[in-house]
């Protein structure tokens, strides 16, 4: 098992977090997930033999939201 912590953009309310959680939970290989509107984050426990982080990102984007990659996330010195 592996855990992905994803920064999610485009959430406007708790309902958005529930939508993202629902689509992730339906993804093969995802065991559990928790999505926080307040923190704009998704934490996903998944089986890397069945799904990878790129696929998780695609699932979120297909639902109409964005994933902020580490390359685009502001660091502590920016």
Protein backbone atom coordinates (compact mmCIF):
# COMPACT_ATOMS: atom_id res chain seq x y z
CA UNK A 1 0.00 0.00 0.00
CA UNK A 2 1.03 3.55 -0.68
CA UNK A 3 -0.37 6.91 0.41
CA UNK A 4 -0.71 9.88 -1.94
CA UNK A 5 -1.23 13.37 -0.56
CA UNK A 6 -2.60 15.58 -3.31
CA UNK A 7 -3.24 19.33 -3.28
CA UNK A 8 -6.56 19.88 -5.05
CA UNK A 9 -7.66 23.13 -6.69
CA UNK A 10 -11.14 24.21 -7.70
CA UNK A 11 -13.07 23.10 -4.62
CA UNK A 12 -15.69 25.66 -3.58
CA UNK A 13 -17.53 23.82 -0.80
CA UNK A 14 -17.76 20.61 1.21
CA UNK A 15 -19.90 19.14 -1.59
CA UNK A 16 -16.90 19.42 -3.93
CA UNK A 17 -14.80 17.42 -1.47
CA UNK A 18 -17.51 14.75 -1.34
CA UNK A 19 -17.60 14.51 -5.14
CA UNK A 20 -13.82 14.07 -5.30
CA UNK A 21 -13.89 11.47 -2.54
CA UNK A 22 -16.64 9.57 -4.33
CA UNK A 23 -14.84 9.40 -7.68
CA UNK A 24 -11.59 8.35 -6.00
CA UNK A 25 -13.29 5.61 -4.00
CA UNK A 26 -14.69 4.13 -7.23
CA UNK A 27 -11.21 3.91 -8.74
CA UNK A 28 -9.76 0.38 -8.85
CA UNK A 29 -6.93 0.00 -6.35
CA UNK A 30 -8.06 2.75 -3.99
CA UNK A 31 -8.57 1.34 -0.50
CA UNK A 32 -9.52 4.50 1.41
CA UNK A 33 -9.42 8.22 0.90
CA UNK A 34 -10.21 11.41 2.75
CA UNK A 35 -10.74 14.77 1.05
CA UNK A 36 -10.68 18.05 2.97
CA UNK A 37 -12.29 21.15 1.50
CA UNK A 38 -10.79 23.26 4.29
CA UNK A 39 -7.24 22.08 3.51
CA UNK A 40 -7.79 21.58 -0.25
CA UNK A 41 -6.14 18.18 0.05
CA UNK A 42 -6.88 14.57 -0.75
CA UNK A 43 -5.15 11.73 1.05
CA UNK A 44 -5.48 8.42 -0.75
CA UNK A 45 -4.39 4.95 0.37
CA UNK A 46 -3.96 2.82 -2.74
CA UNK A 47 -2.43 -0.34 -4.13
CA UNK A 48 0.39 0.71 -6.50
CA UNK A 49 0.05 -2.58 -8.36
CA UNK A 50 -3.43 -1.47 -9.49
CA UNK A 51 -3.26 2.32 -9.77
CA UNK A 52 -0.64 5.08 -9.66
CA UNK A 53 -0.65 8.73 -8.64
CA UNK A 54 -0.94 9.88 -12.26
CA UNK A 55 -4.20 7.93 -12.60
CA UNK A 56 -5.51 9.41 -9.35
CA UNK A 57 -4.76 12.87 -10.72
CA UNK A 58 -6.57 12.06 -13.97
CA UNK A 59 -9.64 10.90 -12.04
CA UNK A 60 -9.75 14.18 -10.09
CA UNK A 61 -9.26 16.24 -13.25
CA UNK A 62 -11.98 14.34 -15.09
CA UNK A 63 -14.35 15.32 -12.26
CA UNK A 64 -13.57 18.99 -13.04
CA UNK A 65 -10.95 19.80 -10.41
CA UNK A 66 -7.20 20.31 -10.54
CA UNK A 67 -4.21 18.76 -8.83
CA UNK A 68 -1.33 21.02 -7.93
CA UNK A 69 1.91 19.14 -8.53
CA UNK A 70 4.98 19.67 -6.38
CA UNK A 71 6.61 21.56 -9.27
CA UNK A 72 3.79 24.13 -9.19
CA UNK A 73 3.12 24.25 -5.46
CA UNK A 74 4.58 27.32 -3.73
CA UNK A 75 7.45 26.47 -1.44
CA UNK A 76 8.33 28.02 1.90
CA UNK A 77 10.72 30.50 0.24
CA UNK A 78 8.37 31.79 -2.41
